[in-house]
């Protein structure tokens, strides 16, 4: 009876809340906005990273579905790094900290981008006022690249649509927003949270953030759907909190809006969409009965000021819950190329010693060779090519095996100039290239510490030999590149083990021997 009253009283308000997002998701279909979004993305860089991620799993010939999925993950990681979270904006005048003073009216230049709310902040130093308009047009967000979860999900969903992914803006009525995309690889919808850099972890909110969910609605150009069941394993508890509208009225409202969204669609398109809807509803029902692996920890909220997260009770059981000593799943680590790199570098130094080259000359040769590789790294991964100078040409045979590991070759062009270029598929160069550069930098640093070069110096730490590779590692923090992966990487001839800890910080990885 109480829920029936709520339905009669609030069904219009509920419907209005859903409809308020429809004009927003239709913006994602605008060719102008999509093109503007694509222009801001380093597409080739993300394509290369996607192929590298697949190659590290041993997949050098991925299907289109595998490539598309890997690119989507790289798009998510890139977006996480390129967008900024706003708690309180810095002062427009002096750059110092500000504090919220209240709300203000939107200016015409702000309302043209869908702004209905403007937060006003007073500078703690100069007392001037800084405006923070909450833009709703993703075109403007491509420019500002900042905001909170609403702006993040709004802009990221545009990016997903711009690259052809079937996408939804997913609205949680307990005050969060994220994206869902249909994965052709998995044949189902997957969760992507750009604020957290998380993919396909739908229980993040209920179990990690400790959220008390009620309604989670997916909103797209071709319809709306209640997807709450994807995000809970406590449906009876969630159901008890769903008192804004009856389940029957909720279904009627969503069906009504979906029917309007699909008005004008061909009968064939309608049939396809209805079949997809049916399959997804069956999947959502099955999700409720999936066994939740409680041994795998899920972190509390990471985005936003700590005090703000605490005030919302979203910080989880521990600030460090993503690495709290709970079980870490194992995964395959294919890195035989690293072993080949170190073996090839050892051959370079064997020739150096055999020919009695001075330390200063070897250092010069290595620095020039590193310069060649850096030029290749900065060029298009699909067509890498650069010339080498006559000095390095004299010593190029020293690097034959290393070039082979890099899948590079030397060629002579029409002018008689020797170039280094790709020998095989681009990924076979992309995968080992950063490893070689890192290894050579390390070698040069250790070379400077050597008094002289001899056979005795051809050992650790100058060279790293007899390396274990291609095994299983324990991984924590599946949202790489911000996680920590630990595993046994190097093994000395005398079987003393060194543990390599790979710490992913942003886009870069630092390798330390402990």
Protein backbone atom coordinates (compact mmCIF):
# COMPACT_ATOMS: atom_id res chain seq x y z
CA UNK A 1 0.00 0.00 0.00
CA UNK A 2 2.82 2.39 0.91
CA UNK A 3 4.59 1.71 -2.39
CA UNK A 4 1.34 2.22 -4.30
CA UNK A 5 1.02 5.64 -2.68
CA UNK A 6 4.62 6.43 -3.60
CA UNK A 7 3.90 5.42 -7.18
CA UNK A 8 0.89 7.66 -7.44
CA UNK A 9 2.74 10.49 -5.78
CA UNK A 10 6.17 10.26 -7.38
CA UNK A 11 5.93 8.37 -10.71
CA UNK A 12 5.87 11.69 -12.57
CA UNK A 13 8.92 12.92 -10.72
CA UNK A 14 10.72 9.64 -11.40
CA UNK A 15 9.88 9.85 -15.09
CA UNK A 16 11.05 13.45 -15.20
CA UNK A 17 14.39 12.52 -13.68
CA UNK A 18 14.98 9.90 -16.37
CA UNK A 19 13.82 12.17 -19.18
CA UNK A 20 16.23 14.90 -18.05
CA UNK A 21 19.09 12.73 -19.33
CA UNK A 22 17.61 11.93 -22.75
CA UNK A 23 18.67 15.17 -24.44
CA UNK A 24 22.13 14.64 -22.98
CA UNK A 25 22.61 11.15 -24.41
CA UNK A 26 21.32 12.31 -27.81
CA UNK A 27 24.25 14.74 -27.93
CA UNK A 28 26.54 11.70 -28.10
CA UNK A 29 25.11 10.92 -31.55
CA UNK A 30 26.00 14.35 -32.97
CA UNK A 31 28.70 13.91 -35.68
CA UNK A 32 30.23 17.30 -34.81
CA UNK A 33 30.65 16.36 -31.15
CA UNK A 34 31.97 12.91 -32.06
CA UNK A 35 34.56 14.35 -34.43
CA UNK A 36 35.60 16.92 -31.82
CA UNK A 37 36.07 14.10 -29.31
CA UNK A 38 38.15 11.96 -31.67
CA UNK A 39 40.47 14.88 -32.41
CA UNK A 40 41.50 15.08 -28.75
CA UNK A 41 42.53 11.42 -28.51
CA UNK A 42 46.04 10.11 -29.34
CA UNK A 43 44.44 7.29 -31.30
CA UNK A 44 47.60 5.65 -32.63
CA UNK A 45 49.22 5.70 -29.19
CA UNK A 46 46.20 3.96 -27.66
CA UNK A 47 46.04 1.46 -30.54
CA UNK A 48 49.66 0.55 -29.90
CA UNK A 49 49.12 0.21 -26.15
CA UNK A 50 46.11 -1.99 -26.82
CA UNK A 51 48.14 -4.29 -29.06
CA UNK A 52 50.95 -4.39 -26.48
CA UNK A 53 48.52 -5.38 -23.74
CA UNK A 54 47.27 -8.24 -25.90
CA UNK A 55 50.81 -9.30 -26.81
CA UNK A 56 51.73 -9.44 -23.12
CA UNK A 57 49.01 -12.07 -22.81
CA UNK A 58 50.61 -13.97 -25.69
CA UNK A 59 48.06 -12.79 -28.25
CA UNK A 60 49.94 -11.44 -31.28
CA UNK A 61 47.10 -11.98 -33.75
CA UNK A 62 43.99 -10.67 -31.99
CA UNK A 63 40.52 -10.66 -33.49
CA UNK A 64 38.75 -7.37 -34.14
CA UNK A 65 36.60 -7.92 -31.04
CA UNK A 66 39.74 -8.41 -28.94
CA UNK A 67 41.37 -5.30 -30.40
CA UNK A 68 38.23 -3.22 -29.86
CA UNK A 69 37.98 -4.34 -26.24
CA UNK A 70 41.66 -3.65 -25.58
CA UNK A 71 41.34 -0.18 -27.17
CA UNK A 72 38.33 0.58 -24.97
CA UNK A 73 40.40 -0.20 -21.87
CA UNK A 74 43.22 2.05 -23.07
CA UNK A 75 40.68 4.80 -23.79
CA UNK A 76 39.46 4.43 -20.20
CA UNK A 77 43.01 4.64 -18.77
CA UNK A 78 43.86 7.63 -20.98
CA UNK A 79 40.67 9.44 -19.99
CA UNK A 80 41.40 8.84 -16.31
CA UNK A 81 44.75 10.60 -16.75
CA UNK A 82 43.55 13.42 -19.00
CA UNK A 83 40.49 14.55 -17.01
CA UNK A 84 40.68 16.41 -13.69
CA UNK A 85 38.55 15.98 -10.59
CA UNK A 86 37.21 19.19 -9.05
CA UNK A 87 36.58 19.36 -5.33
CA UNK A 88 36.98 23.11 -4.93
CA UNK A 89 38.47 24.94 -7.95
CA UNK A 90 41.60 27.07 -7.42
CA UNK A 91 41.09 30.82 -7.36
CA UNK A 92 40.85 32.30 -10.86
CA UNK A 93 42.78 35.32 -9.63
CA UNK A 94 45.69 34.02 -7.55
CA UNK A 95 45.47 30.23 -7.77
CA UNK A 96 45.05 29.68 -4.03
CA UNK A 97 42.54 27.38 -2.33
CA UNK A 98 38.86 28.29 -2.26
CA UNK A 99 35.84 27.38 -0.14
CA UNK A 100 32.22 26.94 -1.25
CA UNK A 101 30.05 30.01 -0.63
CA UNK A 102 26.82 28.97 -2.31
CA UNK A 103 25.10 28.83 -5.68
CA UNK A 104 24.75 31.47 -8.38
CA UNK A 105 22.80 32.04 -11.56
CA UNK A 106 24.19 30.84 -14.88
CA UNK A 107 25.44 33.37 -17.41
CA UNK A 108 24.32 33.22 -21.06
CA UNK A 109 27.76 31.88 -22.02
CA UNK A 110 27.18 29.05 -19.53
CA UNK A 111 23.55 28.23 -20.28
CA UNK A 112 24.40 27.68 -23.95
CA UNK A 113 26.28 24.57 -22.77
CA UNK A 114 23.42 23.27 -20.65
CA UNK A 115 24.45 24.79 -17.34
CA UNK A 116 21.68 25.05 -14.76
CA UNK A 117 23.86 25.14 -11.64
CA UNK A 118 26.85 27.35 -10.87
CA UNK A 119 28.82 26.84 -7.67
CA UNK A 120 30.49 29.93 -6.18
CA UNK A 121 33.78 29.66 -4.29
CA UNK A 122 35.52 32.32 -2.21
CA UNK A 123 39.33 32.47 -2.24
CA UNK A 124 40.91 31.89 1.18
CA UNK A 125 43.70 34.34 0.32
CA UNK A 126 42.28 37.21 -1.75
CA UNK A 127 38.54 36.70 -1.08
CA UNK A 128 37.64 36.91 -4.79
CA UNK A 129 34.88 34.67 -6.17
CA UNK A 130 35.53 31.81 -8.60
CA UNK A 131 32.66 30.32 -10.57
CA UNK A 132 32.34 26.59 -11.23
CA UNK A 133 29.55 26.08 -13.80
CA UNK A 134 28.31 22.48 -14.02
CA UNK A 135 28.31 22.07 -17.80
CA UNK A 136 26.03 19.38 -19.26
CA UNK A 137 27.15 19.64 -22.89
CA UNK A 138 30.00 17.15 -23.48
CA UNK A 139 31.33 19.42 -26.24
CA UNK A 140 32.23 22.00 -23.60
CA UNK A 141 33.68 19.30 -21.35
CA UNK A 142 36.10 18.35 -24.14
CA UNK A 143 37.50 21.85 -23.59
CA UNK A 144 37.36 22.19 -19.79
CA UNK A 145 38.30 18.54 -19.07
CA UNK A 146 37.30 18.78 -15.43
CA UNK A 147 34.40 18.16 -13.10
CA UNK A 148 32.93 15.49 -10.88
CA UNK A 149 31.38 12.13 -11.68
CA UNK A 150 28.59 13.70 -13.76
CA UNK A 151 31.01 15.53 -16.04
CA UNK A 152 33.38 12.55 -16.17
CA UNK A 153 30.72 10.02 -17.19
CA UNK A 154 29.06 12.49 -19.57
CA UNK A 155 32.28 13.18 -21.47
CA UNK A 156 33.58 9.61 -21.39
CA UNK A 157 30.32 8.23 -22.78
CA UNK A 158 30.68 10.65 -25.70
CA UNK A 159 34.19 9.28 -26.31
CA UNK A 160 32.84 5.72 -26.31
CA UNK A 161 30.17 6.62 -28.86
CA UNK A 162 32.70 8.57 -30.93
CA UNK A 163 34.69 5.36 -31.39
CA UNK A 164 31.64 3.30 -32.27
CA UNK A 165 30.95 1.51 -29.00
CA UNK A 166 27.32 0.83 -28.12
CA UNK A 167 27.13 2.86 -24.90
CA UNK A 168 24.88 4.01 -22.09
CA UNK A 169 25.01 6.70 -19.48
CA UNK A 170 24.34 4.78 -16.27
CA UNK A 171 22.68 6.75 -13.47
CA UNK A 172 22.76 5.59 -9.85
CA UNK A 173 20.03 7.29 -7.81
CA UNK A 174 22.32 7.30 -4.76
CA UNK A 175 24.38 9.98 -6.52
CA UNK A 176 26.87 8.50 -8.95
CA UNK A 177 27.10 8.18 -12.74
CA UNK A 178 29.21 5.95 -14.97
CA UNK A 179 29.23 4.32 -18.41
CA UNK A 180 28.21 0.93 -19.75
CA UNK A 181 29.39 -0.41 -23.11
CA UNK A 182 28.34 -3.52 -24.97
CA UNK A 183 31.36 -5.77 -25.38
CA UNK A 184 31.36 -7.73 -28.62
CA UNK A 185 34.15 -9.82 -27.09
CA UNK A 186 32.05 -10.95 -24.12
CA UNK A 187 28.65 -10.62 -25.76
CA UNK A 188 27.29 -8.55 -22.87
CA UNK A 189 27.22 -5.09 -21.33
CA UNK A 190 30.19 -4.14 -19.16
CA UNK A 191 30.60 -1.48 -16.50
CA UNK A 192 33.21 1.30 -16.96
CA UNK A 193 33.80 3.97 -14.32
CA UNK A 194 36.05 6.72 -15.74
CA UNK A 195 36.46 8.41 -12.33
CA UNK A 196 37.96 5.24 -10.86
CA UNK A 197 39.56 3.81 -14.00
CA UNK A 198 37.62 0.58 -13.37
CA UNK A 199 36.20 -1.84 -15.92
CA UNK A 200 33.75 -4.73 -15.51
CA UNK A 201 33.64 -4.62 -11.71
CA UNK A 202 29.93 -4.01 -11.12
CA UNK A 203 30.08 -4.91 -7.42
CA UNK A 204 32.56 -2.08 -6.81
CA UNK A 205 29.85 0.15 -5.34
CA UNK A 206 27.94 -2.29 -3.16
CA UNK A 207 30.92 -4.18 -1.78
CA UNK A 208 33.80 -1.72 -2.22
CA UNK A 209 32.17 1.64 -1.57
CA UNK A 210 29.53 0.14 0.79
CA UNK A 211 26.77 1.91 -1.14
CA UNK A 212 23.12 1.25 -0.31
CA UNK A 213 21.88 1.04 -3.89
CA UNK A 214 18.26 1.44 -4.95
CA UNK A 215 17.89 2.33 -8.64
CA UNK A 216 20.54 2.09 -11.38
CA UNK A 217 19.17 3.07 -14.79
CA UNK A 218 20.98 2.74 -18.12
CA UNK A 219 20.08 5.51 -20.57
CA UNK A 220 20.88 5.43 -24.29
CA UNK A 221 19.58 6.81 -27.57
CA UNK A 222 17.49 3.71 -28.20
CA UNK A 223 15.96 3.18 -24.78
CA UNK A 224 16.29 3.01 -21.01
CA UNK A 225 16.63 -0.04 -18.79
CA UNK A 226 16.71 -0.83 -15.09
CA UNK A 227 20.14 -2.48 -14.67
CA UNK A 228 20.23 -2.42 -10.86
CA UNK A 229 20.48 -6.21 -10.63
CA UNK A 230 23.87 -6.11 -12.35
CA UNK A 231 25.27 -4.15 -9.42
CA UNK A 232 23.98 -6.08 -6.42
CA UNK A 233 24.07 -9.48 -4.77
CA UNK A 234 21.72 -8.24 -2.05
CA UNK A 235 18.53 -7.84 -4.05
CA UNK A 236 16.09 -8.24 -1.11
CA UNK A 237 17.86 -5.39 0.71
CA UNK A 238 17.91 -3.24 -2.43
CA UNK A 239 14.25 -3.98 -3.09
CA UNK A 240 13.34 -2.77 0.39
CA UNK A 241 14.87 0.61 -0.46
CA UNK A 242 13.06 0.94 -3.81
CA UNK A 243 10.12 2.93 -2.44
CA UNK A 244 10.16 5.84 -4.88
CA UNK A 245 7.92 4.06 -7.36
CA UNK A 246 6.29 0.62 -7.53
CA UNK A 247 8.05 -2.04 -9.61
CA UNK A 248 5.04 -2.20 -11.91
CA UNK A 249 4.99 1.57 -12.41
CA UNK A 250 8.76 1.61 -12.90
CA UNK A 251 8.51 -0.96 -15.67
CA UNK A 252 5.69 1.00 -17.31
CA UNK A 253 7.64 4.28 -17.22
CA UNK A 254 10.80 2.72 -18.68
CA UNK A 255 8.85 0.88 -21.39
CA UNK A 256 7.02 4.08 -22.30
CA UNK A 257 10.26 6.07 -22.66
CA UNK A 258 11.95 3.26 -24.58
CA UNK A 259 9.03 3.06 -27.00
CA UNK A 260 9.32 6.81 -27.63
CA UNK A 261 13.08 6.51 -28.18
CA UNK A 262 12.50 3.81 -30.79
CA UNK A 263 9.73 5.61 -32.62
CA UNK A 264 10.52 5.55 -36.32
CA UNK A 265 12.87 2.55 -36.13
CA UNK A 266 12.42 -0.13 -38.79
CA UNK A 267 10.71 -3.37 -37.84
CA UNK A 268 14.01 -5.17 -38.36
CA UNK A 269 15.87 -2.84 -35.97
CA UNK A 270 13.06 -3.12 -33.43
CA UNK A 271 13.23 -6.90 -33.59
CA UNK A 272 16.98 -6.87 -32.99
CA UNK A 273 16.69 -4.47 -30.05
CA UNK A 274 13.84 -6.42 -28.47
CA UNK A 275 15.88 -9.61 -28.72
CA UNK A 276 18.86 -7.88 -27.08
CA UNK A 277 16.59 -6.54 -24.34
CA UNK A 278 15.24 -10.01 -23.64
CA UNK A 279 18.71 -11.54 -23.45
CA UNK A 280 19.93 -8.79 -21.14
CA UNK A 281 16.97 -9.12 -18.79
CA UNK A 282 17.66 -12.85 -18.55
CA UNK A 283 21.33 -12.08 -17.86
CA UNK A 284 20.40 -9.59 -15.12
CA UNK A 285 18.26 -12.23 -13.43
CA UNK A 286 21.16 -14.71 -13.57
CA UNK A 287 23.54 -12.10 -12.12
CA UNK A 288 21.58 -12.12 -8.87
CA UNK A 289 22.51 -15.74 -8.28
CA UNK A 290 26.19 -15.54 -9.20
CA UNK A 291 28.50 -16.45 -6.34
CA UNK A 292 30.38 -13.39 -5.11
CA UNK A 293 34.08 -14.12 -4.60
CA UNK A 294 34.54 -12.25 -1.33
CA UNK A 295 38.24 -13.22 -1.23
CA UNK A 296 38.96 -10.65 -3.97
CA UNK A 297 38.98 -7.21 -2.39
CA UNK A 298 37.24 -4.24 -3.97
CA UNK A 299 38.45 -0.75 -3.05
CA UNK A 300 36.50 2.10 -1.58
CA UNK A 301 36.04 5.23 -3.62
CA UNK A 302 39.31 6.73 -4.88
CA UNK A 303 38.06 9.88 -6.65
CA UNK A 304 37.39 13.04 -4.69
CA UNK A 305 38.71 14.67 -1.54
CA UNK A 306 39.17 12.21 1.34
CA UNK A 307 36.98 14.13 3.78
CA UNK A 308 34.25 14.34 1.13
CA UNK A 309 34.44 10.58 0.55
CA UNK A 310 34.25 9.93 4.28
CA UNK A 311 31.22 12.21 4.59
CA UNK A 312 29.47 10.13 1.91
CA UNK A 313 30.51 6.84 3.60
CA UNK A 314 32.10 5.70 0.32
CA UNK A 315 35.67 5.21 1.45
CA UNK A 316 35.18 1.48 2.04
CA UNK A 317 36.54 -0.62 4.87
CA UNK A 318 40.06 0.75 4.46
CA UNK A 319 41.81 3.55 2.61
CA UNK A 320 44.20 0.88 1.35
CA UNK A 321 41.55 -1.74 0.76
CA UNK A 322 42.82 -2.53 -2.75
CA UNK A 323 46.01 -3.94 -1.22
CA UNK A 324 45.02 -5.06 2.23
CA UNK A 325 46.49 -8.51 2.27
CA UNK A 326 43.48 -10.27 0.79
CA UNK A 327 43.79 -12.94 -1.85
CA UNK A 328 45.29 -11.71 -5.11
CA UNK A 329 44.37 -13.59 -8.30
CA UNK A 330 47.11 -15.06 -10.45
CA UNK A 331 47.41 -14.29 -14.12
CA UNK A 332 49.68 -15.27 -16.97
CA UNK A 333 52.73 -13.11 -17.59
CA UNK A 334 54.19 -13.56 -21.09
CA UNK A 335 57.51 -11.76 -21.17
CA UNK A 336 60.01 -13.98 -22.95
CA UNK A 337 60.95 -10.90 -24.99
CA UNK A 338 62.53 -9.40 -21.84
CA UNK A 339 64.85 -12.40 -21.49
CA UNK A 340 65.81 -12.10 -25.16
CA UNK A 341 66.56 -8.40 -24.69
CA UNK A 342 68.99 -9.02 -21.83
CA UNK A 343 70.63 -11.92 -23.66
CA UNK A 344 71.13 -9.73 -26.75
CA UNK A 345 72.62 -6.89 -24.67
CA UNK A 346 75.07 -9.36 -23.13
CA UNK A 347 76.22 -10.29 -26.66
CA UNK A 348 76.81 -6.59 -27.42
CA UNK A 349 79.10 -6.34 -24.41
CA UNK A 350 80.88 -9.59 -25.21
CA UNK A 351 81.89 -8.06 -28.55
CA UNK A 352 82.85 -4.82 -26.88
CA UNK A 353 85.22 -6.66 -24.55
CA UNK A 354 86.60 -8.86 -27.34
CA UNK A 355 87.50 -5.75 -29.35
CA UNK A 356 88.96 -3.94 -26.32
CA UNK A 357 86.84 -0.83 -26.75
CA UNK A 358 87.30 1.85 -24.11
CA UNK A 359 84.56 2.64 -21.65
CA UNK A 360 84.18 6.16 -23.06
CA UNK A 361 83.78 4.86 -26.62
CA UNK A 362 81.25 2.24 -25.56
CA UNK A 363 79.27 4.90 -23.70
CA UNK A 364 79.26 7.09 -26.80
CA UNK A 365 78.10 4.19 -29.01
CA UNK A 366 75.32 3.28 -26.60
CA UNK A 367 74.08 6.86 -26.31
CA UNK A 368 73.92 7.21 -30.10
CA UNK A 369 72.10 3.88 -30.38
CA UNK A 370 69.66 4.95 -27.67
CA UNK A 371 69.06 8.14 -29.66
CA UNK A 372 68.18 6.05 -32.72
CA UNK A 373 65.71 3.99 -30.70
CA UNK A 374 64.17 7.12 -29.19
CA UNK A 375 63.50 8.51 -32.67
CA UNK A 376 61.87 5.23 -33.61
CA UNK A 377 59.79 5.26 -30.44
CA UNK A 378 58.48 8.76 -31.18
CA UNK A 379 57.54 7.89 -34.76
CA UNK A 380 54.39 6.13 -35.92
CA UNK A 381 54.42 2.56 -34.61
CA UNK A 382 53.06 1.32 -37.95
CA UNK A 383 55.86 2.79 -40.11
CA UNK A 384 58.90 3.20 -37.86
CA UNK A 385 62.03 4.25 -39.77
CA UNK A 386 65.04 6.45 -39.04
CA UNK A 387 68.53 7.01 -40.43
CA UNK A 388 71.80 6.31 -38.60
CA UNK A 389 75.04 8.24 -38.74
CA UNK A 390 78.30 6.85 -40.20
CA UNK A 391 79.94 6.50 -36.76
CA UNK A 392 77.26 4.10 -35.50
CA UNK A 393 77.30 2.24 -38.82
CA UNK A 394 80.82 1.01 -37.99
CA UNK A 395 79.54 -0.73 -34.88
CA UNK A 396 76.12 -1.81 -36.16
CA UNK A 397 77.13 -5.53 -36.36
CA UNK A 398 77.53 -5.43 -32.56
CA UNK A 399 73.76 -4.92 -32.34
CA UNK A 400 72.61 -7.59 -34.81
CA UNK A 401 70.89 -9.79 -32.21
CA UNK A 402 69.40 -6.78 -30.42
CA UNK A 403 67.94 -5.47 -33.67
CA UNK A 404 66.55 -8.93 -34.32
CA UNK A 405 64.88 -8.98 -30.89
CA UNK A 406 63.42 -5.57 -31.74
CA UNK A 407 62.19 -6.91 -35.08
CA UNK A 408 64.19 -4.16 -36.82
CA UNK A 409 66.48 -4.29 -39.82
CA UNK A 410 68.93 -2.03 -41.60
CA UNK A 411 68.31 -1.03 -45.21
CA UNK A 412 70.08 1.24 -47.67
CA UNK A 413 67.93 3.85 -49.36
CA UNK A 414 68.33 5.32 -52.85
CA UNK A 415 70.76 7.98 -51.56
CA UNK A 416 73.04 5.37 -50.02
CA UNK A 417 71.91 6.31 -46.50
CA UNK A 418 71.46 3.42 -44.07
CA UNK A 419 68.09 3.36 -42.30
CA UNK A 420 66.71 1.28 -39.45
CA UNK A 421 63.12 0.18 -40.07
CA UNK A 422 60.52 -2.45 -39.20
CA UNK A 423 61.35 -6.02 -40.18
CA UNK A 424 58.01 -7.66 -39.30
CA UNK A 425 54.64 -6.79 -37.75
CA UNK A 426 54.76 -3.48 -35.85
CA UNK A 427 53.71 -5.07 -32.53
CA UNK A 428 56.87 -7.17 -32.53
CA UNK A 429 58.80 -3.91 -32.24
CA UNK A 430 56.36 -2.10 -29.96
CA UNK A 431 56.52 -4.80 -27.28
CA UNK A 432 60.30 -4.98 -26.65
CA UNK A 433 61.22 -1.37 -27.52
CA UNK A 434 60.50 0.21 -24.10
CA UNK A 435 62.24 -2.74 -22.42
CA UNK A 436 65.38 -2.20 -24.51
CA UNK A 437 65.42 1.54 -23.79
CA UNK A 438 64.99 0.93 -20.06
CA UNK A 439 67.68 -1.76 -20.07
CA UNK A 440 70.17 0.36 -22.02
CA UNK A 441 69.63 3.35 -19.72
CA UNK A 442 70.34 1.04 -16.79
CA UNK A 443 73.43 -0.35 -18.52
CA UNK A 444 74.83 3.13 -19.23
CA UNK A 445 74.30 4.12 -15.60
CA UNK A 446 76.08 1.00 -14.34
CA UNK A 447 78.79 1.37 -16.99
CA UNK A 448 79.72 4.74 -15.55
CA UNK A 449 80.38 3.00 -12.22
CA UNK A 450 82.79 0.49 -13.78
CA UNK A 451 86.49 1.31 -13.57
CA UNK A 452 87.17 -0.60 -16.79
CA UNK A 453 85.54 -3.13 -19.08
CA UNK A 454 86.64 -6.75 -18.91
CA UNK A 455 85.17 -10.23 -18.89
CA UNK A 456 84.84 -9.92 -15.13
CA UNK A 457 82.47 -6.98 -15.56
CA UNK A 458 80.07 -9.00 -17.74
CA UNK A 459 77.83 -9.90 -14.82
CA UNK A 460 75.22 -8.43 -12.49
CA UNK A 461 74.56 -5.53 -12.04
CA UNK A 462 75.90 -4.47 -15.48
CA UNK A 463 74.20 -7.41 -17.16
CA UNK A 464 71.22 -9.45 -16.05
CA UNK A 465 71.43 -13.06 -17.15
CA UNK A 466 69.63 -16.37 -16.55
CA UNK A 467 66.28 -14.67 -16.16
CA UNK A 468 63.08 -16.54 -15.32
CA UNK A 469 60.25 -15.56 -17.66
CA UNK A 470 56.72 -16.27 -18.80
CA UNK A 471 55.14 -17.56 -15.62
CA UNK A 472 52.31 -16.64 -13.29
CA UNK A 473 52.29 -13.52 -11.14
CA UNK A 474 50.20 -12.47 -8.18
CA UNK A 475 48.39 -9.28 -9.09
CA UNK A 476 46.65 -6.72 -6.95
CA UNK A 477 44.81 -3.75 -8.37
CA UNK A 478 43.30 -5.00 -11.61
CA UNK A 479 42.76 -1.44 -12.80
CA UNK A 480 46.22 -1.20 -14.30
CA UNK A 481 48.29 0.88 -14.85
CA UNK A 482 47.71 1.96 -11.24
CA UNK A 483 47.98 -1.46 -9.66
CA UNK A 484 50.94 -3.31 -8.29
CA UNK A 485 52.17 -6.48 -9.90
CA UNK A 486 54.79 -8.54 -8.12
CA UNK A 487 56.59 -11.61 -9.32
CA UNK A 488 59.96 -13.27 -9.49
CA UNK A 489 61.75 -11.70 -12.44
CA UNK A 490 65.47 -12.29 -12.19
CA UNK A 491 67.50 -15.25 -11.10
CA UNK A 492 71.25 -15.19 -10.62
CA UNK A 493 73.44 -18.11 -11.75
CA UNK A 494 73.91 -19.01 -8.09
CA UNK A 495 70.10 -19.17 -7.70
CA UNK A 496 69.90 -16.11 -5.47
CA UNK A 497 66.57 -14.55 -6.30
CA UNK A 498 65.85 -10.91 -6.82
CA UNK A 499 62.26 -9.82 -6.61
CA UNK A 500 61.17 -7.30 -9.17
CA UNK A 501 58.38 -5.00 -8.06
CA UNK A 502 56.68 -3.24 -10.92
CA UNK A 503 55.02 -0.08 -9.71
CA UNK A 504 52.64 1.45 -12.21
CA UNK A 505 52.38 5.20 -11.76
CA UNK A 506 50.12 6.91 -14.26
CA UNK A 507 51.35 6.00 -17.72
CA UNK A 508 54.87 5.06 -16.63
CA UNK A 509 56.32 2.00 -14.96
CA UNK A 510 59.27 2.06 -12.59
CA UNK A 511 61.11 -1.22 -12.02
CA UNK A 512 63.03 -1.62 -8.77
CA UNK A 513 65.11 -4.60 -7.59
CA UNK A 514 64.57 -5.36 -3.95
